[in-house]
Amino acid sequence: KGFFPVEEVFTFDAINSRMQGHPDMTKTPGIDMSSGSLGTGASPPLGMALAARRLGKNFHTWVLLGDGEIEEGQVWEMAWAASYYKVDNLTAIVDWNKVQQFGFPKDGNLKHRINPLPHVPEKWRAFGWNVLEVDGHNFDALLPAMEQAKATKDQPTCIVANTIKGKGISFMEGDYNWHAKVPNKDELAKALAELETQRPRA
């Protein structure tokens, strides 16, 4: 909070904007590390969590992973090491929407053949993690899971958040083409209007 004006978010993916799809720590305030290539965002948080424990710092490290990203071997090297060293101040949240940039893993079509990674919760359990499964669209489920993760001792936690890509926007929901696509002004207005109708009222 306070790193940049909220309005700057609306420059996302524009030329010369600091708000890019792959964060750059040399340009965007509040970014601890540059990322982009799948898998490279998993190991640094483990190092941060281990350093915090060694230095006696009382903070929890969170890493957000996609189901496409966890096909990278480096993620599982991190998972094994975190379990081995009982890094309980580390939580991975896996956005499990079963979609990747160029298609659905289950399709396995010839144009964009994608290797599916089924049984995601079971895989994290096999690596010795405490695993919690939640509806990733439900904050009443997600927030208690995060508190439970922070309270878990002697093992890291993986929160598997079951989600639907583009949830709540009629022309985006379940459409992988929106992975790296930026809406135009009319599409943005329509999307925001649809989301506004779903906002809980006091």
Protein backbone atom coordinates (compact mmCIF):
# COMPACT_ATOMS: atom_id res chain seq x y z
CA LYS A 1 0.00 0.00 0.00
CA GLY A 2 1.30 3.43 -0.92
CA PHE A 3 3.90 2.37 -3.48
CA PHE A 4 2.10 4.06 -6.38
CA PRO A 5 -1.26 5.75 -7.09
CA VAL A 6 -4.15 3.32 -7.59
CA GLU A 7 -4.97 5.07 -10.86
CA GLU A 8 -1.66 3.90 -12.29
CA VAL A 9 -3.02 0.35 -12.44
CA PHE A 10 -5.14 1.45 -15.41
CA THR A 11 -1.96 1.91 -17.46
CA PHE A 12 -1.39 -1.85 -17.31
CA ASP A 13 0.60 -3.19 -20.26
CA ALA A 14 0.80 0.21 -21.94
CA ILE A 15 4.10 1.24 -23.53
CA ASN A 16 6.42 2.80 -20.91
CA SER A 17 4.02 1.92 -18.08
CA ARG A 18 5.46 0.61 -14.81
CA MET A 19 2.50 -1.78 -14.63
CA GLN A 20 3.62 -4.68 -16.80
CA GLY A 21 2.51 -8.30 -16.86
CA HIS A 22 6.01 -9.35 -15.81
CA PRO A 23 7.01 -7.12 -12.88
CA ASP A 24 10.36 -5.35 -13.06
CA MET A 25 11.90 -4.52 -9.69
CA THR A 26 13.99 -1.76 -11.28
CA LYS A 27 10.87 0.09 -12.45
CA THR A 28 7.89 -0.81 -10.29
CA PRO A 29 7.93 0.25 -6.61
CA GLY A 30 7.14 -2.51 -4.12
CA ILE A 31 8.42 -5.37 -6.28
CA ASP A 32 11.02 -7.48 -4.44
CA MET A 33 12.15 -9.44 -7.48
CA SER A 34 11.72 -9.41 -11.23
CA SER A 35 9.87 -12.41 -12.63
CA GLY A 36 8.29 -13.67 -15.80
CA SER A 37 9.79 -16.98 -16.82
CA LEU A 38 7.67 -19.77 -15.39
CA GLY A 39 9.06 -21.38 -12.25
CA THR A 40 11.54 -18.67 -11.30
CA GLY A 41 9.15 -17.07 -8.83
CA ALA A 42 9.08 -20.05 -6.48
CA SER A 43 12.59 -20.32 -5.04
CA PRO A 44 13.27 -16.71 -3.90
CA PRO A 45 10.33 -16.75 -1.45
CA LEU A 46 11.80 -19.87 0.14
CA GLY A 47 15.06 -17.99 0.60
CA MET A 48 13.18 -15.05 2.11
CA ALA A 49 11.34 -17.31 4.55
CA LEU A 50 14.54 -19.11 5.57
CA ALA A 51 16.33 -15.79 6.05
CA ALA A 52 13.48 -14.48 8.20
CA ARG A 53 13.67 -17.53 10.42
CA ARG A 54 17.46 -17.32 10.76
CA LEU A 55 17.33 -13.59 11.56
CA GLY A 56 14.48 -13.99 14.03
CA LYS A 57 12.09 -11.90 11.93
CA ASN A 58 8.42 -12.52 12.58
CA PHE A 59 6.86 -12.35 9.13
CA HIS A 60 5.19 -14.85 6.83
CA THR A 61 6.19 -15.26 3.19
CA TRP A 62 3.56 -15.85 0.52
CA VAL A 63 4.12 -17.10 -3.03
CA LEU A 64 1.39 -17.11 -5.68
CA LEU A 65 1.75 -19.81 -8.34
CA GLY A 66 -0.26 -20.75 -11.41
CA ASP A 67 -1.05 -24.29 -12.45
CA GLY A 68 1.02 -23.77 -15.60
CA GLU A 69 3.95 -22.56 -13.54
CA ILE A 70 4.01 -25.62 -11.32
CA GLU A 71 4.92 -27.77 -14.30
CA GLU A 72 8.44 -26.38 -13.95
CA GLY A 73 10.94 -28.57 -12.10
CA GLN A 74 12.33 -25.68 -10.09
CA VAL A 75 8.99 -25.36 -8.28
CA TRP A 76 9.23 -28.93 -7.04
CA GLU A 77 12.84 -28.48 -5.97
CA MET A 78 11.60 -25.59 -3.83
CA ALA A 79 8.71 -27.69 -2.52
CA TRP A 80 11.03 -30.50 -1.45
CA ALA A 81 13.52 -28.15 0.22
CA ALA A 82 10.81 -26.20 2.06
CA SER A 83 9.38 -29.43 3.43
CA TYR A 84 12.81 -30.82 4.36
CA TYR A 85 13.71 -27.69 6.31
CA LYS A 86 10.20 -27.41 7.85
CA VAL A 87 9.74 -23.85 6.63
CA ASP A 88 6.42 -23.16 8.31
CA ASN A 89 6.56 -19.40 7.67
CA LEU A 90 6.05 -20.04 3.94
CA THR A 91 2.72 -20.50 2.16
CA ALA A 92 2.19 -21.18 -1.53
CA ILE A 93 -1.18 -20.28 -3.04
CA VAL A 94 -1.81 -22.18 -6.26
CA ASP A 95 -4.35 -20.57 -8.59
CA TRP A 96 -5.74 -23.82 -10.00
CA ASN A 97 -7.97 -22.68 -12.86
CA LYS A 98 -7.03 -25.59 -15.15
CA VAL A 99 -6.21 -23.17 -17.98
CA GLN A 100 -2.91 -22.07 -19.45
CA GLN A 101 -1.96 -19.28 -21.81
CA PHE A 102 -2.62 -21.23 -25.00
CA GLY A 103 -5.36 -23.63 -24.01
CA PHE A 104 -6.79 -26.15 -21.61
CA PRO A 105 -4.41 -28.87 -20.37
CA LYS A 106 -7.13 -31.49 -20.70
CA ASP A 107 -7.54 -30.82 -24.45
CA GLY A 108 -4.09 -31.92 -25.53
CA ASN A 109 -4.77 -30.58 -29.02
CA LEU A 110 -2.00 -30.82 -31.60
CA LYS A 111 -1.63 -27.08 -32.13
CA HIS A 112 -0.93 -26.27 -28.52
CA ARG A 113 -0.32 -29.59 -26.79
CA ILE A 114 -0.23 -28.96 -23.06
CA ASN A 115 0.95 -31.51 -20.55
CA PRO A 116 -1.79 -31.71 -17.90
CA LEU A 117 -0.84 -31.75 -14.24
CA PRO A 118 -3.67 -33.54 -12.43
CA HIS A 119 -4.04 -34.24 -8.72
CA VAL A 120 -2.40 -30.97 -7.68
CA PRO A 121 -3.35 -31.21 -3.96
CA GLU A 122 -2.05 -34.76 -3.74
CA LYS A 123 1.28 -33.78 -5.27
CA TRP A 124 1.90 -31.07 -2.65
CA ARG A 125 0.94 -33.50 0.12
CA ALA A 126 3.40 -36.02 -1.30
CA PHE A 127 6.13 -33.39 -0.93
CA GLY A 128 5.28 -33.03 2.76
CA TRP A 129 3.22 -29.85 2.69
CA ASN A 130 0.11 -29.07 4.69
CA VAL A 131 -2.56 -28.68 1.99
CA LEU A 132 -5.79 -26.69 2.20
CA GLU A 133 -8.30 -26.61 -0.66
CA VAL A 134 -10.63 -23.63 -1.03
CA ASP A 135 -12.89 -21.83 -3.44
CA GLY A 136 -10.48 -19.19 -4.67
CA HIS A 137 -13.33 -16.77 -5.39
CA ASN A 138 -14.67 -16.87 -1.84
CA PHE A 139 -12.86 -14.59 0.61
CA ASP A 140 -14.83 -16.16 3.48
CA ALA A 141 -13.01 -19.41 2.65
CA LEU A 142 -9.68 -17.98 1.55
CA LEU A 143 -8.94 -15.69 4.50
CA PRO A 144 -9.47 -18.36 7.22
CA ALA A 145 -7.25 -20.72 5.20
CA MET A 146 -4.52 -18.07 5.19
CA GLU A 147 -4.82 -17.70 8.97
CA GLN A 148 -4.67 -21.49 9.35
CA ALA A 149 -1.55 -21.55 7.17
CA LYS A 150 0.16 -19.00 9.40
CA ALA A 151 -0.71 -21.06 12.48
CA THR A 152 0.63 -24.35 11.05
CA LYS A 153 3.93 -25.47 12.57
CA ASP A 154 6.79 -27.62 11.27
CA GLN A 155 5.68 -27.73 7.64
CA PRO A 156 4.93 -25.26 4.85
CA THR A 157 1.37 -24.87 3.61
CA CYS A 158 -0.06 -24.95 0.12
CA ILE A 159 -3.49 -23.39 -0.39
CA VAL A 160 -4.99 -24.82 -3.56
CA ALA A 161 -7.44 -22.16 -4.74
CA ASN A 162 -9.91 -23.62 -7.21
CA THR A 163 -10.79 -20.82 -9.62
CA ILE A 164 -12.37 -20.10 -12.99
CA LYS A 165 -10.41 -17.87 -15.35
CA GLY A 166 -12.28 -14.60 -15.95
CA LYS A 167 -14.87 -15.44 -13.29
CA GLY A 168 -17.85 -13.11 -13.25
CA ILE A 169 -17.34 -11.50 -16.66
CA SER A 170 -19.55 -13.08 -19.31
CA PHE A 171 -17.22 -12.68 -22.27
CA MET A 172 -14.04 -13.60 -20.37
CA GLU A 173 -15.11 -16.50 -18.17
CA GLY A 174 -13.34 -19.72 -19.12
CA ASP A 175 -11.70 -18.15 -22.19
CA TYR A 176 -7.93 -18.68 -22.22
CA ASN A 177 -7.52 -16.03 -24.91
CA TRP A 178 -7.80 -13.41 -22.16
CA HIS A 179 -4.64 -14.66 -20.45
CA ALA A 180 -2.48 -11.95 -21.99
CA LYS A 181 -5.11 -9.77 -23.64
CA VAL A 182 -5.91 -6.23 -22.48
CA PRO A 183 -9.53 -5.08 -22.83
CA ASN A 184 -10.30 -2.00 -24.87
CA LYS A 185 -12.32 0.84 -23.33
CA ASP A 186 -15.70 -0.62 -24.26
CA GLU A 187 -14.77 -4.09 -23.02
CA LEU A 188 -13.40 -2.64 -19.79
CA ALA A 189 -16.58 -0.65 -19.19
CA LYS A 190 -18.72 -3.73 -19.80
CA ALA A 191 -16.56 -5.89 -17.54
CA LEU A 192 -16.63 -3.37 -14.68
CA ALA A 193 -20.40 -2.99 -15.04
CA GLU A 194 -20.89 -6.75 -14.80
CA LEU A 195 -18.65 -6.97 -11.73
CA GLU A 196 -20.48 -4.07 -10.10
CA THR A 197 -23.77 -5.98 -10.25
CA GLN A 198 -22.14 -8.82 -8.29
CA ARG A 199 -20.67 -6.67 -5.54
CA PRO A 200 -22.09 -7.56 -2.10
CA ARG A 201 -24.30 -4.85 -0.66
CA ALA A 202 -24.23 -3.84 3.00
